[in-house]
Amino acid sequence: MLNHAPNIEQIIEPSPEPSPEPSLAPTHMPGRPGESGLSMVELLISLAVMLAVLVASVPAFGAWVRDMHVRAAVESLKSGIELARMEAIRRNARVSFRLPGGARPLWEFGCAGGECAAVIQSAPAGETSGASLTAQSSPPSATAPSSVSFNGLGQVDAAGGISTISSIAVRAAGSDRRLVLQISQAGSISVCDPLLPGAECP
């Protein structure tokens, strides 16, 4: 019986064709023909919206700046009064807190009876930039008071019935925004904000 040689064409299978590699070219996004960015009309509308937002925010920004001026002045005054009171307690002596006025320091304090330096510490007048001060006295006086003194116990010392500062109103320049710094006879210091509900500021 004769063996026939196998057909080579039947044994060898054709190799599969290689699959095409994915293209790395950018895919075209659908859009309006001939347009690569914002049109002039869209740009003008965007600018108009930005300008409207900016104009609307100017008054709020101005009010915020005025409020910061008032609060900075109040914090400086409150710090100075507290330091004068603590100095009186520490030295067990009469210490006066003063508002010199004019181009002089915003405030200063020192011993009133010669027990220590007349000026222990002061603050530059520039700390009230953008704010004005109005001092009120207790008992009431025809002239604005310029000082308040503390004794060794930290209490307000109105020696000889001298009119002393009982409150200082700090108002923003060109605005009705104000805060009031109050000093009690016991020497406690508080800040009154007329904008708060139920606030009764002098």
N, C-alpha and C. Protein backbone atom coordinates (compact mmCIF):
# COMPACT_ATOMS: atom_id res chain seq x y z
N MET A 1 0.86 -1.18 0.00
CA MET A 1 0.00 0.00 0.00
C MET A 1 0.88 1.22 0.00
N LEU A 2 0.63 2.14 -0.88
CA LEU A 2 1.52 3.28 -1.06
C LEU A 2 1.05 4.45 -0.19
N ASN A 3 2.08 5.05 0.48
CA ASN A 3 1.81 6.26 1.30
C ASN A 3 2.04 7.50 0.47
N HIS A 4 1.06 8.31 0.42
CA HIS A 4 1.18 9.56 -0.33
C HIS A 4 1.65 10.67 0.59
N ALA A 5 2.56 11.48 0.10
CA ALA A 5 3.08 12.61 0.91
C ALA A 5 1.97 13.64 1.14
N PRO A 6 1.89 14.17 2.35
CA PRO A 6 0.83 15.16 2.63
C PRO A 6 1.00 16.41 1.79
N ASN A 7 -0.09 17.00 1.49
CA ASN A 7 -0.09 18.23 0.71
C ASN A 7 0.36 19.40 1.59
N ILE A 8 1.48 20.05 1.21
CA ILE A 8 2.05 21.16 2.03
C ILE A 8 1.07 22.31 2.12
N GLU A 9 0.34 22.56 1.06
CA GLU A 9 -0.58 23.68 1.05
C GLU A 9 -1.70 23.46 2.07
N GLN A 10 -2.03 22.21 2.33
CA GLN A 10 -3.08 21.92 3.29
C GLN A 10 -2.58 22.04 4.73
N ILE A 11 -1.29 21.82 4.97
CA ILE A 11 -0.75 21.87 6.35
C ILE A 11 -0.46 23.29 6.79
N ILE A 12 0.16 24.04 5.93
CA ILE A 12 0.57 25.39 6.33
C ILE A 12 -0.63 26.32 6.24
N GLU A 13 -1.04 26.87 7.42
CA GLU A 13 -2.17 27.79 7.45
C GLU A 13 -1.67 29.20 7.20
N PRO A 14 -2.44 29.98 6.52
CA PRO A 14 -1.99 31.37 6.29
C PRO A 14 -1.98 32.16 7.59
N SER A 15 -0.91 32.98 7.81
CA SER A 15 -0.79 33.79 9.04
C SER A 15 -1.81 34.93 9.01
N PRO A 16 -2.40 35.24 10.17
CA PRO A 16 -3.43 36.33 10.20
C PRO A 16 -2.78 37.68 9.92
N GLU A 17 -3.53 38.51 9.27
CA GLU A 17 -3.03 39.86 8.98
C GLU A 17 -2.98 40.69 10.26
N PRO A 18 -1.91 41.50 10.46
CA PRO A 18 -1.82 42.33 11.70
C PRO A 18 -2.93 43.36 11.74
N SER A 19 -3.48 43.56 12.98
CA SER A 19 -4.56 44.55 13.14
C SER A 19 -3.95 45.94 13.11
N PRO A 20 -4.65 46.86 12.55
CA PRO A 20 -4.11 48.24 12.47
C PRO A 20 -3.97 48.87 13.86
N GLU A 21 -2.85 49.58 14.10
CA GLU A 21 -2.61 50.26 15.38
C GLU A 21 -3.52 51.48 15.50
N PRO A 22 -3.96 51.79 16.74
CA PRO A 22 -4.84 52.95 16.93
C PRO A 22 -4.11 54.24 16.58
N SER A 23 -4.79 55.11 15.96
CA SER A 23 -4.20 56.39 15.56
C SER A 23 -4.10 57.33 16.75
N LEU A 24 -2.98 58.06 16.87
CA LEU A 24 -2.76 59.03 17.93
C LEU A 24 -3.13 60.45 17.51
N ALA A 25 -3.64 60.59 16.35
CA ALA A 25 -4.01 61.92 15.86
C ALA A 25 -5.20 62.44 16.65
N PRO A 26 -5.24 63.74 16.98
CA PRO A 26 -6.35 64.31 17.75
C PRO A 26 -7.67 64.13 17.03
N THR A 27 -8.65 63.81 17.86
CA THR A 27 -9.99 63.62 17.31
C THR A 27 -10.65 64.96 17.07
N HIS A 28 -11.25 65.14 15.97
CA HIS A 28 -11.91 66.39 15.65
C HIS A 28 -13.20 66.51 16.44
N MET A 29 -13.33 67.58 17.23
CA MET A 29 -14.53 67.81 18.01
C MET A 29 -15.53 68.56 17.16
N PRO A 30 -16.76 68.19 17.24
CA PRO A 30 -17.76 68.89 16.45
C PRO A 30 -17.94 70.31 16.94
N GLY A 31 -18.16 71.22 16.10
CA GLY A 31 -18.37 72.61 16.46
C GLY A 31 -18.77 73.40 15.25
N ARG A 32 -18.89 74.68 15.48
CA ARG A 32 -19.26 75.51 14.36
C ARG A 32 -18.08 75.67 13.41
N PRO A 33 -18.31 75.58 12.13
CA PRO A 33 -17.20 75.66 11.17
C PRO A 33 -16.55 77.03 11.18
N GLY A 34 -15.21 77.02 11.10
CA GLY A 34 -14.47 78.28 10.99
C GLY A 34 -14.32 79.04 12.30
N GLU A 35 -14.63 78.40 13.46
CA GLU A 35 -14.55 79.12 14.74
C GLU A 35 -13.58 78.40 15.66
N SER A 36 -12.60 79.15 16.21
CA SER A 36 -11.59 78.55 17.08
C SER A 36 -11.60 79.15 18.48
N GLY A 37 -12.46 80.16 18.82
CA GLY A 37 -12.47 80.79 20.13
C GLY A 37 -13.75 81.59 20.32
N LEU A 38 -13.69 82.57 21.29
CA LEU A 38 -14.85 83.40 21.55
C LEU A 38 -15.05 84.41 20.42
N SER A 39 -16.29 84.63 20.12
CA SER A 39 -16.58 85.67 19.14
C SER A 39 -16.53 87.03 19.80
N MET A 40 -16.54 88.10 19.04
CA MET A 40 -16.48 89.45 19.59
C MET A 40 -17.70 89.74 20.46
N VAL A 41 -18.86 89.26 20.06
CA VAL A 41 -20.07 89.50 20.84
C VAL A 41 -19.98 88.81 22.20
N GLU A 42 -19.51 87.55 22.21
CA GLU A 42 -19.36 86.83 23.47
C GLU A 42 -18.34 87.51 24.38
N LEU A 43 -17.26 88.01 23.82
CA LEU A 43 -16.25 88.70 24.61
C LEU A 43 -16.80 89.98 25.23
N LEU A 44 -17.58 90.73 24.46
CA LEU A 44 -18.17 91.96 24.98
C LEU A 44 -19.18 91.67 26.09
N ILE A 45 -19.94 90.61 25.93
CA ILE A 45 -20.90 90.24 26.98
C ILE A 45 -20.18 89.85 28.26
N SER A 46 -19.08 89.10 28.14
CA SER A 46 -18.30 88.70 29.32
C SER A 46 -17.73 89.90 30.03
N LEU A 47 -17.20 90.85 29.27
CA LEU A 47 -16.64 92.06 29.88
C LEU A 47 -17.73 92.88 30.57
N ALA A 48 -18.91 92.95 29.97
CA ALA A 48 -20.01 93.71 30.58
C ALA A 48 -20.45 93.09 31.90
N VAL A 49 -20.49 91.77 31.96
CA VAL A 49 -20.86 91.08 33.20
C VAL A 49 -19.83 91.33 34.29
N MET A 50 -18.54 91.24 33.92
CA MET A 50 -17.48 91.48 34.89
C MET A 50 -17.52 92.91 35.41
N LEU A 51 -17.79 93.86 34.54
CA LEU A 51 -17.86 95.26 34.95
C LEU A 51 -19.03 95.49 35.88
N ALA A 52 -20.18 94.87 35.62
CA ALA A 52 -21.35 95.02 36.48
C ALA A 52 -21.08 94.46 37.88
N VAL A 53 -20.41 93.31 37.94
CA VAL A 53 -20.07 92.73 39.24
C VAL A 53 -19.11 93.63 40.01
N LEU A 54 -18.13 94.20 39.31
CA LEU A 54 -17.16 95.09 39.95
C LEU A 54 -17.83 96.35 40.49
N VAL A 55 -18.70 96.96 39.71
CA VAL A 55 -19.39 98.17 40.15
C VAL A 55 -20.27 97.88 41.36
N ALA A 56 -20.93 96.73 41.36
CA ALA A 56 -21.81 96.38 42.48
C ALA A 56 -21.03 96.13 43.76
N SER A 57 -19.78 95.70 43.64
CA SER A 57 -18.99 95.37 44.84
C SER A 57 -18.27 96.58 45.43
N VAL A 58 -18.19 97.70 44.71
CA VAL A 58 -17.46 98.87 45.21
C VAL A 58 -18.06 99.41 46.51
N PRO A 59 -19.39 99.65 46.61
CA PRO A 59 -19.93 100.15 47.88
C PRO A 59 -19.68 99.22 49.06
N ALA A 60 -19.83 97.92 48.84
CA ALA A 60 -19.59 96.97 49.93
C ALA A 60 -18.13 96.99 50.36
N PHE A 61 -17.23 97.13 49.40
CA PHE A 61 -15.80 97.18 49.75
C PHE A 61 -15.49 98.45 50.53
N GLY A 62 -16.10 99.59 50.12
CA GLY A 62 -15.88 100.85 50.84
C GLY A 62 -16.39 100.77 52.26
N ALA A 63 -17.56 100.15 52.47
CA ALA A 63 -18.10 99.99 53.82
C ALA A 63 -17.20 99.09 54.67
N TRP A 64 -16.64 98.06 54.05
CA TRP A 64 -15.74 97.16 54.78
C TRP A 64 -14.48 97.90 55.21
N VAL A 65 -13.93 98.75 54.35
CA VAL A 65 -12.72 99.52 54.69
C VAL A 65 -13.02 100.47 55.84
N ARG A 66 -14.15 101.18 55.79
CA ARG A 66 -14.51 102.10 56.87
C ARG A 66 -14.69 101.36 58.19
N ASP A 67 -15.30 100.19 58.13
CA ASP A 67 -15.50 99.40 59.34
C ASP A 67 -14.16 98.97 59.93
N MET A 68 -13.21 98.62 59.07
CA MET A 68 -11.89 98.22 59.56
C MET A 68 -11.17 99.39 60.21
N HIS A 69 -11.31 100.61 59.66
CA HIS A 69 -10.69 101.78 60.28
C HIS A 69 -11.26 102.02 61.67
N VAL A 70 -12.57 101.92 61.81
CA VAL A 70 -13.21 102.13 63.11
C VAL A 70 -12.76 101.08 64.11
N ARG A 71 -12.76 99.83 63.70
CA ARG A 71 -12.39 98.75 64.61
C ARG A 71 -10.92 98.84 65.02
N ALA A 72 -10.06 99.24 64.10
CA ALA A 72 -8.63 99.38 64.44
C ALA A 72 -8.44 100.47 65.48
N ALA A 73 -9.14 101.60 65.32
CA ALA A 73 -9.02 102.69 66.29
C ALA A 73 -9.57 102.28 67.66
N VAL A 74 -10.70 101.56 67.66
CA VAL A 74 -11.29 101.12 68.93
C VAL A 74 -10.36 100.14 69.64
N GLU A 75 -9.79 99.21 68.90
CA GLU A 75 -8.89 98.24 69.52
C GLU A 75 -7.65 98.93 70.11
N SER A 76 -7.14 99.95 69.42
CA SER A 76 -5.99 100.68 69.95
C SER A 76 -6.35 101.41 71.24
N LEU A 77 -7.48 102.09 71.25
CA LEU A 77 -7.93 102.81 72.45
C LEU A 77 -8.20 101.84 73.60
N LYS A 78 -8.87 100.76 73.31
CA LYS A 78 -9.19 99.77 74.35
C LYS A 78 -7.91 99.20 74.95
N SER A 79 -6.94 98.91 74.10
CA SER A 79 -5.67 98.38 74.59
C SER A 79 -4.96 99.40 75.48
N GLY A 80 -4.97 100.68 75.06
CA GLY A 80 -4.31 101.71 75.87
C GLY A 80 -4.96 101.91 77.22
N ILE A 81 -6.29 101.89 77.28
CA ILE A 81 -7.00 102.06 78.55
C ILE A 81 -6.73 100.87 79.47
N GLU A 82 -6.75 99.67 78.91
CA GLU A 82 -6.48 98.48 79.73
C GLU A 82 -5.06 98.50 80.27
N LEU A 83 -4.09 98.93 79.46
CA LEU A 83 -2.71 99.02 79.93
C LEU A 83 -2.58 100.04 81.04
N ALA A 84 -3.26 101.19 80.91
CA ALA A 84 -3.21 102.22 81.97
C ALA A 84 -3.81 101.69 83.27
N ARG A 85 -4.90 100.99 83.18
CA ARG A 85 -5.54 100.42 84.37
C ARG A 85 -4.63 99.39 85.04
N MET A 86 -4.04 98.51 84.23
CA MET A 86 -3.15 97.50 84.80
C MET A 86 -1.90 98.14 85.42
N GLU A 87 -1.43 99.23 84.82
CA GLU A 87 -0.27 99.93 85.38
C GLU A 87 -0.62 100.54 86.73
N ALA A 88 -1.83 101.08 86.87
CA ALA A 88 -2.26 101.65 88.15
C ALA A 88 -2.32 100.56 89.23
N ILE A 89 -2.82 99.38 88.88
CA ILE A 89 -2.89 98.28 89.84
C ILE A 89 -1.49 97.80 90.20
N ARG A 90 -0.62 97.68 89.20
CA ARG A 90 0.74 97.18 89.44
C ARG A 90 1.53 98.13 90.34
N ARG A 91 1.40 99.43 90.10
CA ARG A 91 2.16 100.42 90.88
C ARG A 91 1.42 100.87 92.13
N ASN A 92 0.14 100.48 92.24
CA ASN A 92 -0.70 100.99 93.34
C ASN A 92 -0.62 102.52 93.39
N ALA A 93 -0.79 103.10 92.22
CA ALA A 93 -0.69 104.56 92.09
C ALA A 93 -1.76 105.05 91.12
N ARG A 94 -1.97 106.36 91.11
CA ARG A 94 -2.97 106.96 90.22
C ARG A 94 -2.35 107.15 88.84
N VAL A 95 -2.91 106.48 87.86
CA VAL A 95 -2.41 106.53 86.49
C VAL A 95 -3.52 107.10 85.59
N SER A 96 -3.14 108.04 84.74
CA SER A 96 -4.11 108.70 83.86
C SER A 96 -3.91 108.27 82.41
N PHE A 97 -5.03 108.01 81.77
CA PHE A 97 -5.06 107.77 80.33
C PHE A 97 -5.54 109.05 79.67
N ARG A 98 -4.82 109.55 78.67
CA ARG A 98 -5.13 110.86 78.10
C ARG A 98 -5.26 110.79 76.58
N LEU A 99 -6.11 111.68 76.05
CA LEU A 99 -6.24 111.90 74.61
C LEU A 99 -5.68 113.29 74.31
N PRO A 100 -4.41 113.39 73.95
CA PRO A 100 -3.80 114.70 73.75
C PRO A 100 -4.47 115.53 72.65
N GLY A 101 -4.94 114.88 71.59
CA GLY A 101 -5.59 115.60 70.49
C GLY A 101 -4.58 116.22 69.53
N GLY A 102 -5.09 116.72 68.40
CA GLY A 102 -4.24 117.35 67.40
C GLY A 102 -3.31 116.33 66.75
N ALA A 103 -2.11 116.82 66.42
CA ALA A 103 -1.13 115.96 65.75
C ALA A 103 -0.29 115.18 66.75
N ARG A 104 -0.63 115.29 68.03
CA ARG A 104 0.11 114.57 69.07
C ARG A 104 -0.30 113.10 69.07
N PRO A 105 0.28 112.29 69.95
CA PRO A 105 -0.09 110.86 69.96
C PRO A 105 -1.58 110.65 70.11
N LEU A 106 -2.07 109.54 69.57
CA LEU A 106 -3.48 109.21 69.70
C LEU A 106 -3.87 109.12 71.16
N TRP A 107 -3.09 108.41 71.94
CA TRP A 107 -3.31 108.33 73.38
C TRP A 107 -1.98 108.14 74.09
N GLU A 108 -1.99 108.43 75.37
CA GLU A 108 -0.82 108.23 76.21
C GLU A 108 -1.28 108.02 77.64
N PHE A 109 -0.47 107.40 78.45
CA PHE A 109 -0.81 107.28 79.87
C PHE A 109 0.46 107.35 80.70
N GLY A 110 0.28 107.77 81.93
CA GLY A 110 1.38 107.89 82.87
C GLY A 110 0.86 108.27 84.24
N CYS A 111 1.75 108.33 85.21
CA CYS A 111 1.35 108.65 86.58
C CYS A 111 0.86 110.08 86.68
N ALA A 112 -0.22 110.25 87.43
CA ALA A 112 -0.82 111.58 87.58
C ALA A 112 -0.28 112.32 88.79
N GLY A 113 0.28 111.62 89.77
CA GLY A 113 0.73 112.27 91.00
C GLY A 113 2.23 112.34 91.16
N GLY A 114 2.99 112.04 90.13
CA GLY A 114 4.43 112.12 90.22
C GLY A 114 5.10 110.86 90.74
N GLU A 115 4.32 109.79 90.98
CA GLU A 115 4.93 108.55 91.48
C GLU A 115 5.79 107.86 90.42
N CYS A 116 5.54 108.17 89.15
CA CYS A 116 6.32 107.59 88.06
C CYS A 116 6.31 108.57 86.90
N ALA A 117 6.79 108.15 85.75
CA ALA A 117 6.89 109.05 84.60
C ALA A 117 5.52 109.53 84.17
N ALA A 118 5.47 110.77 83.69
CA ALA A 118 4.21 111.35 83.23
C ALA A 118 3.70 110.64 81.98
N VAL A 119 4.61 110.13 81.15
CA VAL A 119 4.23 109.36 79.96
C VAL A 119 4.98 108.04 80.00
N ILE A 120 4.25 106.98 80.24
CA ILE A 120 4.84 105.64 80.27
C ILE A 120 4.78 104.99 78.90
N GLN A 121 3.66 105.19 78.21
CA GLN A 121 3.47 104.59 76.89
C GLN A 121 2.51 105.46 76.09
N SER A 122 2.65 105.43 74.77
CA SER A 122 1.77 106.21 73.90
C SER A 122 1.60 105.46 72.58
N ALA A 123 0.64 105.94 71.78
CA ALA A 123 0.37 105.36 70.46
C ALA A 123 0.36 106.48 69.44
N PRO A 124 0.91 106.25 68.24
CA PRO A 124 0.94 107.30 67.22
C PRO A 124 -0.46 107.67 66.74
N ALA A 125 -0.62 108.93 66.35
CA ALA A 125 -1.92 109.42 65.89
C ALA A 125 -2.38 108.71 64.63
N GLY A 126 -1.46 108.15 63.85
CA GLY A 126 -1.82 107.48 62.60
C GLY A 126 -2.67 106.25 62.79
N GLU A 127 -2.82 105.74 64.01
CA GLU A 127 -3.61 104.55 64.24
C GLU A 127 -5.11 104.81 64.08
N THR A 128 -5.51 106.09 64.02
CA THR A 128 -6.92 106.41 63.81
C THR A 128 -7.15 106.92 62.40
N SER A 129 -6.28 106.57 61.47
CA SER A 129 -6.45 107.01 60.09
C SER A 129 -7.82 106.58 59.56
N GLY A 130 -8.60 107.56 59.07
CA GLY A 130 -9.92 107.25 58.54
C GLY A 130 -11.02 107.21 59.58
N ALA A 131 -10.73 107.65 60.83
CA ALA A 131 -11.74 107.64 61.89
C ALA A 131 -11.58 108.89 62.75
N SER A 132 -12.70 109.33 63.34
CA SER A 132 -12.68 110.49 64.23
C SER A 132 -13.17 110.06 65.62
N LEU A 133 -12.68 110.76 66.66
CA LEU A 133 -13.01 110.41 68.04
C LEU A 133 -13.85 111.51 68.68
N THR A 134 -14.82 111.09 69.49
CA THR A 134 -15.62 112.02 70.28
C THR A 134 -15.74 111.46 71.68
N ALA A 135 -15.13 112.14 72.66
CA ALA A 135 -15.16 111.66 74.04
C ALA A 135 -16.31 112.30 74.80
N GLN A 136 -16.96 111.50 75.64
CA GLN A 136 -18.03 111.98 76.51
C GLN A 136 -17.60 111.80 77.95
N SER A 137 -18.13 112.64 78.84
CA SER A 137 -17.63 112.65 80.21
C SER A 137 -18.69 112.23 81.22
N SER A 138 -18.22 111.91 82.40
CA SER A 138 -19.06 111.63 83.55
C SER A 138 -18.39 112.23 84.79
N PRO A 139 -19.04 113.23 85.46
CA PRO A 139 -20.34 113.84 85.13
C PRO A 139 -20.24 114.66 83.84
N PRO A 140 -21.39 114.97 83.21
CA PRO A 140 -21.38 115.74 81.97
C PRO A 140 -20.67 117.07 82.12
N SER A 141 -19.97 117.47 81.06
CA SER A 141 -19.21 118.70 81.08
C SER A 141 -19.44 119.46 79.78
N ALA A 142 -19.29 120.79 79.85
CA ALA A 142 -19.47 121.61 78.65
C ALA A 142 -18.33 121.39 77.66
N THR A 143 -17.18 121.01 78.16
CA THR A 143 -16.02 120.74 77.30
C THR A 143 -15.75 119.24 77.25
N ALA A 144 -15.25 118.80 76.12
CA ALA A 144 -14.97 117.37 75.96
C ALA A 144 -13.84 116.96 76.90
N PRO A 145 -14.01 115.88 77.64
CA PRO A 145 -12.95 115.42 78.54
C PRO A 145 -11.78 114.88 77.74
N SER A 146 -10.63 114.88 78.36
CA SER A 146 -9.44 114.41 77.65
C SER A 146 -8.68 113.34 78.42
N SER A 147 -9.20 112.92 79.58
CA SER A 147 -8.46 111.92 80.36
C SER A 147 -9.40 111.14 81.28
N VAL A 148 -8.91 109.99 81.70
CA VAL A 148 -9.56 109.20 82.74
C VAL A 148 -8.46 108.59 83.58
N SER A 149 -8.63 108.62 84.91
CA SER A 149 -7.59 108.12 85.81
C SER A 149 -8.08 106.89 86.56
N PHE A 150 -7.14 106.02 86.90
CA PHE A 150 -7.44 104.81 87.65
C PHE A 150 -6.61 104.80 88.93
N ASN A 151 -7.22 104.29 90.02
CA ASN A 151 -6.49 104.18 91.27
C ASN A 151 -5.84 102.80 91.38
N GLY A 152 -5.24 102.53 92.55
CA GLY A 152 -4.54 101.26 92.74
C GLY A 152 -5.42 100.04 92.69
N LEU A 153 -6.74 100.22 92.80
CA LEU A 153 -7.67 99.10 92.71
C LEU A 153 -8.20 98.90 91.29
N GLY A 154 -7.76 99.76 90.37
CA GLY A 154 -8.22 99.64 88.99
C GLY A 154 -9.55 100.32 88.74
N GLN A 155 -10.02 101.11 89.70
CA GLN A 155 -11.29 101.81 89.54
C GLN A 155 -11.05 103.21 89.00
N VAL A 156 -12.09 103.76 88.37
CA VAL A 156 -11.99 105.13 87.88
C VAL A 156 -11.89 106.07 89.08
N ASP A 157 -10.90 106.94 89.05
CA ASP A 157 -10.63 107.87 90.16
C ASP A 157 -10.90 109.30 89.68
N ALA A 158 -12.05 109.82 90.07
CA ALA A 158 -12.40 111.20 89.70
C ALA A 158 -12.06 112.10 90.88
N ALA A 159 -10.79 112.28 91.13
CA ALA A 159 -10.34 113.10 92.27
C ALA A 159 -10.76 114.54 92.08
N GLY A 160 -11.33 115.12 93.14
CA GLY A 160 -11.71 116.53 93.08
C GLY A 160 -12.89 116.81 92.18
N GLY A 161 -13.66 115.78 91.83
CA GLY A 161 -14.82 115.99 90.97
C GLY A 161 -14.47 116.34 89.54
N ILE A 162 -13.25 116.03 89.11
CA ILE A 162 -12.84 116.34 87.74
C ILE A 162 -13.63 115.47 86.77
N SER A 163 -14.12 116.08 85.71
CA SER A 163 -14.86 115.34 84.70
C SER A 163 -13.91 114.42 83.94
N THR A 164 -14.24 113.14 83.89
CA THR A 164 -13.37 112.16 83.24
C THR A 164 -14.10 111.49 82.08
N ILE A 165 -13.33 110.83 81.23
CA ILE A 165 -13.90 110.13 80.08
C ILE A 165 -14.74 108.95 80.56
N SER A 166 -15.99 108.90 80.12
CA SER A 166 -16.83 107.74 80.40
C SER A 166 -17.09 106.91 79.15
N SER A 167 -16.95 107.54 77.98
CA SER A 167 -17.11 106.81 76.72
C SER A 167 -16.40 107.56 75.60
N ILE A 168 -16.01 106.82 74.59
CA ILE A 168 -15.36 107.40 73.41
C ILE A 168 -16.06 106.83 72.18
N ALA A 169 -16.68 107.70 71.41
CA ALA A 169 -17.33 107.27 70.17
C ALA A 169 -16.33 107.39 69.03
N VAL A 170 -16.16 106.32 68.29
CA VAL A 170 -15.25 106.30 67.14
C VAL A 170 -16.10 106.17 65.88
N ARG A 171 -16.00 107.17 65.01
CA ARG A 171 -16.82 107.21 63.81
C ARG A 171 -15.94 107.21 62.57
N ALA A 172 -16.38 106.48 61.55
CA ALA A 172 -15.65 106.45 60.28
C ALA A 172 -15.83 107.77 59.56
N ALA A 173 -14.77 108.27 58.94
CA ALA A 173 -14.82 109.53 58.21
C ALA A 173 -15.81 109.43 57.06
N GLY A 174 -16.72 110.41 56.98
CA GLY A 174 -17.69 110.43 55.89
C GLY A 174 -18.73 109.34 55.96
N SER A 175 -19.00 108.81 57.16
CA SER A 175 -19.96 107.72 57.29
C SER A 175 -20.61 107.78 58.67
N ASP A 176 -21.76 107.12 58.81
CA ASP A 176 -22.44 107.03 60.10
C ASP A 176 -21.98 105.83 60.90
N ARG A 177 -21.10 105.03 60.35
CA ARG A 177 -20.62 103.84 61.05
C ARG A 177 -19.80 104.25 62.26
N ARG A 178 -20.17 103.72 63.44
CA ARG A 178 -19.44 104.07 64.66
C ARG A 178 -19.50 102.92 65.66
N LEU A 179 -18.53 102.92 66.55
CA LEU A 179 -18.49 102.05 67.71
C LEU A 179 -18.22 102.93 68.93
N VAL A 180 -18.73 102.51 70.08
CA VAL A 180 -18.58 103.31 71.30
C VAL A 180 -17.85 102.49 72.34
N LEU A 181 -16.76 103.05 72.84
CA LEU A 181 -15.97 102.42 73.90
C LEU A 181 -16.46 102.97 75.24
N GLN A 182 -16.89 102.11 76.13
CA GLN A 182 -17.48 102.53 77.40
C GLN A 182 -16.58 102.12 78.57
N ILE A 183 -16.46 103.03 79.54
CA ILE A 183 -15.64 102.79 80.74
C ILE A 183 -16.54 102.95 81.96
N SER A 184 -16.69 101.88 82.73
CA SER A 184 -17.53 101.94 83.93
C SER A 184 -16.73 102.50 85.11
N GLN A 185 -17.43 102.87 86.17
CA GLN A 185 -16.76 103.37 87.37
C GLN A 185 -15.88 102.31 88.02
N ALA A 186 -16.22 101.05 87.79
CA ALA A 186 -15.41 99.96 88.35
C ALA A 186 -14.15 99.71 87.53
N GLY A 187 -14.06 100.36 86.36
CA GLY A 187 -12.87 100.21 85.53
C GLY A 187 -13.02 99.22 84.39
N SER A 188 -14.17 98.58 84.26
CA SER A 188 -14.35 97.64 83.16
C SER A 188 -14.54 98.39 81.85
N ILE A 189 -14.10 97.78 80.77
CA ILE A 189 -14.12 98.42 79.45
C ILE A 189 -14.91 97.53 78.50
N SER A 190 -15.84 98.13 77.78
CA SER A 190 -16.66 97.37 76.84
C SER A 190 -16.83 98.17 75.55
N VAL A 191 -17.19 97.47 74.47
CA VAL A 191 -17.41 98.09 73.18
C VAL A 191 -18.88 97.90 72.81
N CYS A 192 -19.56 99.00 72.50
CA CYS A 192 -20.97 98.96 72.12
C CYS A 192 -21.09 99.21 70.62
N ASP A 193 -21.83 98.32 69.93
CA ASP A 193 -22.05 98.44 68.50
C ASP A 193 -23.51 98.79 68.27
N PRO A 194 -23.82 100.02 67.79
CA PRO A 194 -25.21 100.42 67.58
C PRO A 194 -25.96 99.54 66.59
N LEU A 195 -25.27 98.81 65.74
CA LEU A 195 -25.94 97.98 64.75
C LEU A 195 -26.48 96.67 65.33
N LEU A 196 -26.04 96.31 66.52
CA LEU A 196 -26.51 95.07 67.12
C LEU A 196 -27.91 95.26 67.71
N PRO A 197 -28.78 94.26 67.59
CA PRO A 197 -30.14 94.39 68.13
C PRO A 197 -30.12 94.64 69.65
N GLY A 198 -30.89 95.60 70.10
CA GLY A 198 -31.00 95.89 71.52
C GLY A 198 -29.85 96.70 72.10
N ALA A 199 -28.90 97.11 71.28
CA ALA A 199 -27.76 97.87 71.78
C ALA A 199 -28.19 99.29 72.14
N GLU A 200 -27.76 99.75 73.32
CA GLU A 200 -28.06 101.11 73.77
C GLU A 200 -26.73 101.83 74.01
N CYS A 201 -26.23 102.44 72.96
CA CYS A 201 -24.93 103.12 73.04
C CYS A 201 -25.16 104.61 73.29
N PRO A 202 -24.30 105.23 74.11
CA PRO A 202 -24.43 106.67 74.37
C PRO A 202 -24.10 107.50 73.12
